[in-house]
Amino acid sequence: MCLMTTIELESKVFRIGKCHATVALLDGDRIVDVEVVSICGGPSPTLWISRADEDIFIPVFNVASIETVA
């Protein structure tokens, strides 16, 4: 799998807004039907997602792709 750059991920999160998505990780795992909350830049960029009232923070360098759920 190909690593998304921070800028690509920030752009995608901005375009899709707060919605439900599936996040694919570089290790092959998938986190399905999560709500995309935000992305935080800085020295350790992090994707913030939520599932069943649980906040999950994923380092951007671990994210392979993010796709909206129809």
Protein backbone atom coordinates (compact mmCIF):
# COMPACT_ATOMS: atom_id res chain seq x y z
CA MET A 1 0.00 0.00 0.00
CA CYS A 2 1.04 3.57 -0.61
CA LEU A 3 1.44 6.09 2.18
CA MET A 4 -0.76 9.19 1.99
CA THR A 5 1.11 12.41 2.61
CA THR A 6 -0.10 14.69 5.35
CA ILE A 7 -1.20 17.25 2.78
CA GLU A 8 -3.17 14.62 0.79
CA LEU A 9 -4.89 13.41 3.95
CA GLU A 10 -5.65 16.96 5.16
CA SER A 11 -7.13 17.79 1.77
CA LYS A 12 -9.27 14.65 1.74
CA VAL A 13 -10.54 15.24 5.30
CA PHE A 14 -11.40 18.84 4.39
CA ARG A 15 -13.27 17.72 1.22
CA ILE A 16 -15.29 14.96 2.85
CA GLY A 17 -16.02 16.90 6.01
CA LYS A 18 -17.47 15.22 9.07
CA CYS A 19 -18.80 11.95 7.67
CA HIS A 20 -18.62 8.19 8.02
CA ALA A 21 -15.63 6.52 6.43
CA THR A 22 -13.37 3.50 6.31
CA VAL A 23 -9.72 4.05 7.18
CA ALA A 24 -7.13 1.66 5.74
CA LEU A 25 -3.86 1.41 7.60
CA LEU A 26 -0.44 0.57 6.19
CA ASP A 27 -0.32 -2.70 8.11
CA GLY A 28 -3.39 -3.90 6.19
CA ASP A 29 -5.92 -3.33 8.99
CA ARG A 30 -9.13 -1.45 8.23
CA ILE A 31 -11.21 0.57 10.64
CA VAL A 32 -14.74 0.60 9.24
CA ASP A 33 -17.72 2.89 9.75
CA VAL A 34 -16.02 5.58 11.76
CA GLU A 35 -16.80 9.27 11.91
CA VAL A 36 -14.00 11.47 10.67
CA VAL A 37 -13.60 14.28 13.19
CA SER A 38 -10.44 16.18 12.29
CA ILE A 39 -6.79 16.08 11.37
CA CYS A 40 -4.14 17.84 13.39
CA GLY A 41 -0.84 18.86 11.79
CA GLY A 42 2.37 19.76 13.50
CA PRO A 43 5.41 17.64 14.25
CA SER A 44 3.25 14.53 14.86
CA PRO A 45 0.24 14.82 12.50
CA THR A 46 -2.74 12.80 13.73
CA LEU A 47 -6.08 11.73 12.24
CA TRP A 48 -8.93 11.94 14.77
CA ILE A 49 -11.81 9.51 14.22
CA SER A 50 -14.68 8.38 16.41
CA ARG A 51 -16.55 5.07 16.65
CA ALA A 52 -19.31 4.21 19.14
CA ASP A 53 -18.42 7.17 21.39
CA GLU A 54 -14.75 6.16 21.38
CA ASP A 55 -12.17 8.66 20.15
CA ILE A 56 -9.34 7.11 18.12
CA PHE A 57 -6.17 8.99 17.21
CA ILE A 58 -4.02 7.57 14.40
CA PRO A 59 -0.63 8.93 13.37
CA VAL A 60 -0.96 10.14 9.78
CA PHE A 61 2.09 8.12 8.72
CA ASN A 62 0.09 4.92 9.51
CA VAL A 63 -2.83 5.82 7.18
CA ALA A 64 -2.84 4.24 3.71
CA SER A 65 -6.24 5.61 2.57
CA ILE A 66 -9.57 6.93 3.69
CA GLU A 67 -12.84 6.41 1.82
CA THR A 68 -16.33 7.62 2.59
CA VAL A 69 -19.06 5.10 3.37
CA ALA A 70 -22.13 5.41 1.16
